């Protein structure tokens, strides 16, 4: 019999491999927000965010739109409402990408926007970097009403 034409799944030594992760849960909607770290602000956010839990990590991705920004919002920007608290024993539990950041203006010569999650946290930090400058938080003064963020991050639980 030609192995390449066989309709059966061929496995090494006839043993079916175990799934890499247990307790997988896929593509569940979660409502998130955009807040300031010093004064949260009563801003309105449109959220189209999903998460997937895989063993000891959680992937969160989607779009957040700051439809109405509270003028009282201040401090470092946080994307709030993660479905699970990040790991307490790791200092940095995850880093991610921002593929779109409309109406978010990096300052001090920085050129890019990214995200990370610290230990024991239920929020994502919005960070600015690049241009040969030290990384720093995106502040409430750096984001405008109508801002759109597309992001993707995986973090440890």
N, C-alpha and C. Protein backbone atom coordinates (compact mmCIF):
# COMPACT_ATOMS: atom_id res chain seq x y z
N UNK A 1 0.84 -1.19 0.00
CA UNK A 1 0.00 0.00 0.00
C UNK A 1 0.88 1.24 0.00
N UNK A 2 0.52 2.22 -0.80
CA UNK A 2 1.25 3.48 -0.88
C UNK A 2 0.84 4.36 0.29
N UNK A 3 1.79 4.70 1.18
CA UNK A 3 1.48 5.50 2.37
C UNK A 3 0.94 6.88 2.03
N UNK A 4 1.40 7.44 0.93
CA UNK A 4 0.97 8.79 0.55
C UNK A 4 -0.48 8.85 0.10
N UNK A 5 -1.04 7.72 -0.32
CA UNK A 5 -2.41 7.72 -0.80
C UNK A 5 -3.39 7.20 0.25
N UNK A 6 -2.88 6.78 1.37
CA UNK A 6 -3.73 6.22 2.42
C UNK A 6 -4.62 7.30 3.04
N UNK A 7 -5.91 7.02 3.23
CA UNK A 7 -6.80 8.00 3.85
C UNK A 7 -6.61 8.09 5.36
N UNK A 8 -5.83 7.17 5.95
CA UNK A 8 -5.62 7.18 7.39
C UNK A 8 -4.60 8.24 7.78
N UNK A 9 -4.71 8.74 9.00
CA UNK A 9 -3.72 9.66 9.55
C UNK A 9 -2.51 8.84 9.95
N UNK A 10 -1.37 9.15 9.38
CA UNK A 10 -0.15 8.42 9.69
C UNK A 10 0.50 9.08 10.91
N UNK A 11 0.82 8.30 11.91
CA UNK A 11 1.49 8.81 13.10
C UNK A 11 2.76 8.02 13.33
N UNK A 12 3.69 8.65 14.03
CA UNK A 12 4.96 8.01 14.33
C UNK A 12 4.73 6.80 15.21
N UNK A 13 5.19 5.66 14.80
CA UNK A 13 5.09 4.40 15.54
C UNK A 13 3.64 4.07 15.91
N UNK A 14 2.68 4.57 15.13
CA UNK A 14 1.29 4.24 15.37
C UNK A 14 0.68 4.88 16.61
N UNK A 15 1.38 5.84 17.21
CA UNK A 15 0.89 6.47 18.44
C UNK A 15 0.29 7.83 18.09
N UNK A 16 -0.95 8.06 18.51
CA UNK A 16 -1.55 9.37 18.29
C UNK A 16 -0.92 10.37 19.24
N UNK A 17 -0.48 11.52 18.72
CA UNK A 17 0.12 12.52 19.62
C UNK A 17 -0.94 13.14 20.52
N UNK A 18 -0.53 13.52 21.73
CA UNK A 18 -1.44 14.19 22.65
C UNK A 18 -1.57 15.65 22.24
N UNK A 19 -2.70 16.27 22.53
CA UNK A 19 -2.80 17.70 22.23
C UNK A 19 -1.74 18.47 23.02
N UNK A 20 -1.23 19.55 22.44
CA UNK A 20 -0.19 20.33 23.10
C UNK A 20 -0.72 20.98 24.37
N UNK A 21 -1.95 21.44 24.35
CA UNK A 21 -2.54 22.14 25.49
C UNK A 21 -3.78 21.40 25.96
N UNK A 22 -4.05 21.51 27.22
CA UNK A 22 -5.31 21.00 27.74
C UNK A 22 -6.18 22.19 28.12
N UNK A 23 -7.42 21.96 28.29
CA UNK A 23 -8.38 23.01 28.68
C UNK A 23 -8.43 24.16 27.67
N UNK A 24 -8.33 23.84 26.39
CA UNK A 24 -8.39 24.90 25.38
C UNK A 24 -9.81 25.43 25.26
N UNK A 25 -9.94 26.72 25.20
CA UNK A 25 -11.23 27.35 25.03
C UNK A 25 -11.04 28.42 23.97
N UNK A 26 -11.87 28.41 22.94
CA UNK A 26 -11.55 29.25 21.81
C UNK A 26 -12.46 30.42 21.52
N UNK A 27 -11.83 31.52 21.14
CA UNK A 27 -12.45 32.67 20.52
C UNK A 27 -13.72 33.16 21.23
N UNK A 28 -13.58 33.55 22.47
CA UNK A 28 -14.69 34.05 23.27
C UNK A 28 -14.63 35.58 23.31
N UNK A 29 -15.79 36.22 23.17
CA UNK A 29 -15.83 37.69 23.23
C UNK A 29 -15.58 38.18 24.65
N UNK A 30 -14.87 39.30 24.77
CA UNK A 30 -14.64 39.95 26.06
C UNK A 30 -14.78 41.46 25.85
N UNK A 31 -15.39 42.15 26.80
CA UNK A 31 -15.55 43.59 26.69
C UNK A 31 -14.39 44.27 27.40
N UNK A 32 -13.68 45.12 26.67
CA UNK A 32 -12.53 45.82 27.23
C UNK A 32 -12.75 47.32 27.14
N UNK A 33 -11.91 48.09 27.84
CA UNK A 33 -12.01 49.53 27.85
C UNK A 33 -10.65 50.19 27.72
N UNK A 34 -10.65 51.52 27.59
CA UNK A 34 -9.43 52.32 27.55
C UNK A 34 -9.54 53.32 28.69
N UNK A 35 -8.55 53.29 29.60
CA UNK A 35 -8.59 54.17 30.78
C UNK A 35 -7.23 54.80 31.01
N UNK A 36 -7.24 55.90 31.75
CA UNK A 36 -6.00 56.50 32.22
C UNK A 36 -5.58 55.83 33.51
N UNK A 37 -4.28 55.77 33.77
CA UNK A 37 -3.77 55.13 34.97
C UNK A 37 -3.91 55.97 36.23
N UNK A 38 -3.94 57.30 36.10
CA UNK A 38 -4.08 58.20 37.26
C UNK A 38 -5.55 58.50 37.50
N UNK A 39 -6.24 58.99 36.47
CA UNK A 39 -7.70 59.18 36.50
C UNK A 39 -8.26 58.37 35.36
N UNK A 40 -9.05 57.35 35.68
CA UNK A 40 -9.56 56.44 34.65
C UNK A 40 -10.37 57.19 33.60
N UNK A 41 -11.27 58.07 34.04
CA UNK A 41 -12.13 58.77 33.10
C UNK A 41 -13.33 57.92 32.72
N UNK A 42 -14.44 58.57 32.48
CA UNK A 42 -15.67 57.87 32.08
C UNK A 42 -15.79 57.92 30.57
N UNK A 43 -14.84 57.32 29.88
CA UNK A 43 -14.81 57.34 28.42
C UNK A 43 -15.67 56.22 27.86
N UNK A 44 -16.10 56.39 26.61
CA UNK A 44 -16.90 55.37 25.93
C UNK A 44 -16.02 54.66 24.92
N UNK A 45 -16.07 53.33 24.94
CA UNK A 45 -15.22 52.53 24.07
C UNK A 45 -16.07 51.49 23.34
N UNK A 46 -15.84 51.39 22.04
CA UNK A 46 -16.43 50.31 21.26
C UNK A 46 -15.41 49.17 21.26
N UNK A 47 -15.87 47.98 21.65
CA UNK A 47 -14.97 46.86 21.83
C UNK A 47 -15.36 45.69 20.93
N UNK A 48 -14.42 45.21 20.13
CA UNK A 48 -14.60 43.99 19.34
C UNK A 48 -13.37 43.14 19.61
N UNK A 49 -13.32 42.54 20.81
CA UNK A 49 -12.13 41.83 21.28
C UNK A 49 -12.50 40.38 21.62
N UNK A 50 -11.60 39.48 21.30
CA UNK A 50 -11.79 38.06 21.60
C UNK A 50 -10.59 37.55 22.38
N UNK A 51 -10.80 36.42 23.06
CA UNK A 51 -9.67 35.77 23.73
C UNK A 51 -9.75 34.27 23.55
N UNK A 52 -8.60 33.64 23.72
CA UNK A 52 -8.50 32.18 23.66
C UNK A 52 -7.58 31.74 24.78
N UNK A 53 -8.09 30.87 25.63
CA UNK A 53 -7.34 30.33 26.74
C UNK A 53 -6.72 29.01 26.32
N UNK A 54 -5.40 28.88 26.46
CA UNK A 54 -4.68 27.66 26.12
C UNK A 54 -3.72 27.32 27.25
N UNK A 55 -4.12 26.39 28.11
CA UNK A 55 -3.26 25.96 29.20
C UNK A 55 -2.90 27.10 30.12
N UNK A 56 -1.62 27.46 30.17
CA UNK A 56 -1.15 28.50 31.09
C UNK A 56 -0.96 29.85 30.41
N UNK A 57 -1.60 30.05 29.26
CA UNK A 57 -1.51 31.34 28.59
C UNK A 57 -2.86 31.73 27.99
N UNK A 58 -2.99 33.02 27.73
CA UNK A 58 -4.22 33.55 27.16
C UNK A 58 -3.86 34.51 26.04
N UNK A 59 -4.46 34.32 24.88
CA UNK A 59 -4.27 35.23 23.76
C UNK A 59 -5.49 36.15 23.68
N UNK A 60 -5.24 37.45 23.55
CA UNK A 60 -6.31 38.45 23.44
C UNK A 60 -6.01 39.28 22.19
N UNK A 61 -7.03 39.47 21.33
CA UNK A 61 -6.83 40.24 20.11
C UNK A 61 -8.14 40.91 19.70
N UNK A 62 -8.00 42.00 18.96
CA UNK A 62 -9.19 42.66 18.46
C UNK A 62 -9.01 44.14 18.25
N UNK A 63 -10.14 44.86 18.29
CA UNK A 63 -10.17 46.29 18.02
C UNK A 63 -10.86 47.03 19.16
N UNK A 64 -10.25 48.12 19.58
CA UNK A 64 -10.85 49.04 20.54
C UNK A 64 -10.92 50.42 19.89
N UNK A 65 -12.06 51.10 20.03
CA UNK A 65 -12.23 52.45 19.51
C UNK A 65 -12.67 53.35 20.65
N UNK A 66 -11.93 54.41 20.88
CA UNK A 66 -12.26 55.39 21.91
C UNK A 66 -13.27 56.35 21.31
N UNK A 67 -14.56 56.04 21.44
CA UNK A 67 -15.59 56.83 20.76
C UNK A 67 -15.85 58.17 21.44
N UNK A 68 -15.66 58.25 22.76
CA UNK A 68 -15.81 59.51 23.49
C UNK A 68 -14.81 59.52 24.63
N UNK A 69 -13.89 60.50 24.62
CA UNK A 69 -12.84 60.58 25.64
C UNK A 69 -13.24 61.57 26.73
N UNK A 70 -13.18 61.10 27.98
CA UNK A 70 -13.44 61.96 29.13
C UNK A 70 -12.25 62.90 29.31
N UNK A 71 -12.48 64.23 29.35
CA UNK A 71 -11.37 65.18 29.53
C UNK A 71 -10.62 64.98 30.84
N UNK A 72 -11.23 64.32 31.82
CA UNK A 72 -10.56 64.08 33.10
C UNK A 72 -9.54 62.94 33.04
N UNK A 73 -9.60 62.11 31.98
CA UNK A 73 -8.67 60.98 31.86
C UNK A 73 -7.24 61.49 31.92
N UNK A 74 -6.41 60.85 32.76
CA UNK A 74 -5.01 61.25 32.85
C UNK A 74 -4.13 60.06 33.22
N UNK A 75 -2.84 60.24 33.02
CA UNK A 75 -1.87 59.20 33.35
C UNK A 75 -1.65 58.25 32.18
N UNK A 76 -0.93 57.17 32.46
CA UNK A 76 -0.59 56.17 31.45
C UNK A 76 -1.84 55.42 31.00
N UNK A 77 -1.95 55.17 29.70
CA UNK A 77 -3.11 54.50 29.14
C UNK A 77 -3.06 52.99 29.41
N UNK A 78 -4.21 52.45 29.83
CA UNK A 78 -4.37 51.02 30.06
C UNK A 78 -5.56 50.52 29.25
N UNK A 79 -5.42 49.35 28.67
CA UNK A 79 -6.53 48.66 28.03
C UNK A 79 -7.06 47.69 29.08
N UNK A 80 -8.22 47.96 29.62
CA UNK A 80 -8.72 47.24 30.79
C UNK A 80 -9.70 46.13 30.42
N UNK A 81 -9.87 45.20 31.36
CA UNK A 81 -10.88 44.15 31.21
C UNK A 81 -10.35 42.83 30.69
N UNK A 82 -9.07 42.54 30.93
CA UNK A 82 -8.56 41.23 30.52
C UNK A 82 -9.39 40.12 31.17
N UNK A 83 -9.59 39.01 30.49
CA UNK A 83 -10.44 37.95 31.04
C UNK A 83 -9.81 37.21 32.23
N UNK A 84 -8.48 37.22 32.35
CA UNK A 84 -7.79 36.55 33.44
C UNK A 84 -6.65 37.42 33.95
N UNK A 85 -6.34 37.32 35.22
CA UNK A 85 -5.22 38.04 35.82
C UNK A 85 -3.92 37.38 35.37
N UNK A 86 -2.93 38.19 35.04
CA UNK A 86 -1.64 37.65 34.59
C UNK A 86 -0.89 37.01 35.75
N UNK A 87 0.10 36.22 35.40
CA UNK A 87 0.92 35.49 36.35
C UNK A 87 1.57 36.42 37.38
N UNK A 88 1.60 35.99 38.63
CA UNK A 88 2.18 36.82 39.70
C UNK A 88 3.69 36.65 39.82
N UNK A 89 4.24 35.56 39.31
CA UNK A 89 5.66 35.29 39.55
C UNK A 89 6.58 35.83 38.45
N UNK A 90 6.04 36.24 37.33
CA UNK A 90 6.86 36.78 36.24
C UNK A 90 6.71 38.29 36.21
N UNK A 91 7.81 39.02 36.06
CA UNK A 91 7.74 40.48 36.03
C UNK A 91 7.02 41.00 34.81
N UNK A 92 7.34 40.44 33.65
CA UNK A 92 6.68 40.80 32.40
C UNK A 92 6.02 39.53 31.88
N UNK A 93 4.70 39.55 31.79
CA UNK A 93 3.95 38.34 31.45
C UNK A 93 3.61 38.20 29.99
N UNK A 94 3.77 39.27 29.22
CA UNK A 94 3.47 39.18 27.80
C UNK A 94 3.73 40.49 27.10
N UNK A 95 4.13 40.39 25.84
CA UNK A 95 4.26 41.57 24.98
C UNK A 95 3.47 41.28 23.72
N UNK A 96 2.99 42.35 23.09
CA UNK A 96 2.17 42.15 21.91
C UNK A 96 2.35 43.25 20.90
N UNK A 97 1.58 43.15 19.84
CA UNK A 97 1.69 44.09 18.73
C UNK A 97 0.45 44.97 18.62
N UNK A 98 0.67 46.16 18.13
CA UNK A 98 -0.41 47.06 17.76
C UNK A 98 -0.24 47.29 16.26
N UNK A 99 -1.17 46.77 15.47
CA UNK A 99 -1.02 46.88 14.01
C UNK A 99 -1.69 48.13 13.46
N UNK A 100 -2.53 48.77 14.27
CA UNK A 100 -3.15 50.04 13.87
C UNK A 100 -3.31 50.89 15.12
N UNK A 101 -2.90 52.14 15.04
CA UNK A 101 -3.02 53.06 16.18
C UNK A 101 -3.37 54.44 15.65
N UNK A 102 -4.61 54.60 15.19
CA UNK A 102 -5.07 55.89 14.70
C UNK A 102 -5.28 56.84 15.86
N UNK A 103 -4.86 58.10 15.71
CA UNK A 103 -5.03 59.16 16.69
C UNK A 103 -4.33 58.87 18.01
N UNK A 104 -3.24 58.10 17.93
CA UNK A 104 -2.32 57.90 19.06
C UNK A 104 -0.98 58.46 18.59
N UNK A 105 -0.46 59.46 19.29
CA UNK A 105 0.74 60.15 18.84
C UNK A 105 1.92 59.88 19.77
N UNK A 106 2.90 59.07 19.31
CA UNK A 106 4.11 58.88 20.12
C UNK A 106 4.82 60.23 20.33
N UNK A 107 5.44 60.40 21.49
CA UNK A 107 6.10 61.67 21.82
C UNK A 107 7.59 61.46 22.08
N UNK A 108 8.32 62.56 22.18
CA UNK A 108 9.74 62.52 22.53
C UNK A 108 10.61 61.82 21.51
N UNK A 109 10.24 61.85 20.22
CA UNK A 109 11.03 61.21 19.18
C UNK A 109 10.72 59.74 18.99
N UNK A 110 9.82 59.19 19.77
CA UNK A 110 9.45 57.78 19.62
C UNK A 110 8.58 57.64 18.38
N UNK A 111 8.60 56.47 17.77
CA UNK A 111 7.96 56.30 16.47
C UNK A 111 6.92 55.18 16.41
N UNK A 112 6.85 54.33 17.43
CA UNK A 112 5.98 53.15 17.37
C UNK A 112 5.19 52.99 18.66
N UNK A 113 4.09 52.22 18.55
CA UNK A 113 3.25 51.91 19.70
C UNK A 113 3.17 50.40 19.85
N UNK A 114 3.30 49.92 21.08
CA UNK A 114 3.21 48.49 21.39
C UNK A 114 2.47 48.29 22.69
N UNK A 115 2.38 47.06 23.14
CA UNK A 115 1.66 46.74 24.38
C UNK A 115 2.43 45.70 25.19
N UNK A 116 2.21 45.73 26.50
CA UNK A 116 2.73 44.67 27.37
C UNK A 116 1.83 44.50 28.58
N UNK A 117 2.07 43.41 29.30
CA UNK A 117 1.29 43.09 30.50
C UNK A 117 2.27 42.77 31.62
N UNK A 118 2.14 43.47 32.72
CA UNK A 118 2.96 43.24 33.91
C UNK A 118 2.37 42.12 34.76
N UNK A 119 3.10 41.69 35.79
CA UNK A 119 2.62 40.62 36.67
C UNK A 119 1.39 41.06 37.46
N UNK A 120 0.55 40.09 37.79
CA UNK A 120 -0.67 40.28 38.60
C UNK A 120 -1.55 41.41 38.07
N UNK A 121 -1.74 41.47 36.78
CA UNK A 121 -2.49 42.57 36.17
C UNK A 121 -3.73 42.07 35.43
N UNK A 122 -4.73 42.93 35.35
CA UNK A 122 -5.91 42.67 34.53
C UNK A 122 -6.04 43.72 33.43
N UNK A 123 -4.92 44.38 33.12
CA UNK A 123 -4.93 45.39 32.06
C UNK A 123 -3.64 45.33 31.24
N UNK A 124 -3.72 45.89 30.04
CA UNK A 124 -2.60 45.95 29.11
C UNK A 124 -2.06 47.38 29.13
N UNK A 125 -0.74 47.53 29.17
CA UNK A 125 -0.13 48.86 29.10
C UNK A 125 0.12 49.22 27.63
N UNK A 126 -0.24 50.44 27.26
CA UNK A 126 0.04 50.95 25.92
C UNK A 126 1.37 51.70 26.01
N UNK A 127 2.37 51.24 25.25
CA UNK A 127 3.73 51.76 25.34
C UNK A 127 4.15 52.40 24.02
N UNK A 128 5.12 53.33 24.10
CA UNK A 128 5.69 53.95 22.90
C UNK A 128 7.20 53.73 22.92
N UNK A 129 7.77 53.51 21.75
CA UNK A 129 9.20 53.20 21.66
C UNK A 129 9.72 53.57 20.28
N UNK A 130 11.00 53.32 20.05
CA UNK A 130 11.61 53.57 18.75
C UNK A 130 12.30 54.93 18.69
N UNK A 131 12.89 55.22 17.56
CA UNK A 131 13.60 56.48 17.36
C UNK A 131 14.81 56.64 18.25
N UNK A 132 15.35 55.51 18.75
CA UNK A 132 16.53 55.57 19.61
C UNK A 132 16.23 56.10 21.01
N UNK A 133 14.97 56.13 21.38
CA UNK A 133 14.57 56.66 22.68
C UNK A 133 14.19 55.54 23.64
N UNK A 134 14.24 55.83 24.92
CA UNK A 134 13.83 54.87 25.95
C UNK A 134 12.32 54.66 25.86
N UNK A 135 11.88 53.43 26.04
CA UNK A 135 10.46 53.10 26.02
C UNK A 135 9.74 53.79 27.17
N UNK A 136 8.53 54.29 26.89
CA UNK A 136 7.73 54.91 27.95
C UNK A 136 6.25 54.67 27.67
N UNK A 137 5.44 54.91 28.67
CA UNK A 137 3.99 54.72 28.54
C UNK A 137 3.39 55.78 27.63
N UNK A 138 2.33 55.41 26.92
CA UNK A 138 1.52 56.37 26.19
C UNK A 138 0.61 57.02 27.23
N UNK A 139 0.61 58.35 27.28
CA UNK A 139 -0.19 59.09 28.26
C UNK A 139 -1.55 59.47 27.66
N UNK A 140 -2.48 59.79 28.53
CA UNK A 140 -3.82 60.18 28.10
C UNK A 140 -3.77 61.38 27.16
N UNK A 141 -2.78 62.25 27.32
CA UNK A 141 -2.64 63.41 26.43
C UNK A 141 -2.20 63.01 25.03
N UNK A 142 -1.71 61.76 24.85
CA UNK A 142 -1.21 61.28 23.57
C UNK A 142 -2.26 60.55 22.74
N UNK A 143 -3.47 60.38 23.29
CA UNK A 143 -4.53 59.66 22.59
C UNK A 143 -5.75 60.57 22.47
N UNK A 144 -6.37 60.54 21.30
CA UNK A 144 -7.50 61.44 21.03
C UNK A 144 -8.81 60.67 20.90
N UNK A 145 -9.90 61.40 21.08
CA UNK A 145 -11.22 60.82 20.83
C UNK A 145 -11.26 60.32 19.40
N UNK A 146 -11.80 59.14 19.21
CA UNK A 146 -11.83 58.52 17.88
C UNK A 146 -10.67 57.59 17.62
N UNK A 147 -9.74 57.47 18.58
CA UNK A 147 -8.59 56.59 18.40
C UNK A 147 -9.04 55.15 18.17
N UNK A 148 -8.35 54.48 17.26
CA UNK A 148 -8.63 53.08 16.95
C UNK A 148 -7.35 52.27 17.18
N UNK A 149 -7.47 51.18 17.92
CA UNK A 149 -6.33 50.29 18.20
C UNK A 149 -6.68 48.87 17.77
N UNK A 150 -5.84 48.28 16.91
CA UNK A 150 -5.91 46.85 16.61
C UNK A 150 -4.72 46.24 17.32
N UNK A 151 -4.95 45.23 18.14
CA UNK A 151 -3.85 44.67 18.92
C UNK A 151 -3.96 43.15 19.03
N UNK A 152 -2.85 42.53 19.43
CA UNK A 152 -2.77 41.08 19.61
C UNK A 152 -1.70 40.82 20.66
N UNK A 153 -2.04 40.08 21.71
CA UNK A 153 -1.08 39.79 22.77
C UNK A 153 -1.38 38.42 23.38
N UNK A 154 -0.32 37.72 23.76
CA UNK A 154 -0.45 36.47 24.50
C UNK A 154 0.31 36.65 25.81
N UNK A 155 -0.33 36.26 26.91
CA UNK A 155 0.30 36.45 28.22
C UNK A 155 0.16 35.23 29.11
N UNK A 156 1.08 35.12 30.10
CA UNK A 156 1.09 33.99 31.03
C UNK A 156 0.06 34.17 32.13
N UNK A 157 -0.56 33.08 32.52
CA UNK A 157 -1.52 33.09 33.62
C UNK A 157 -0.88 32.57 34.89
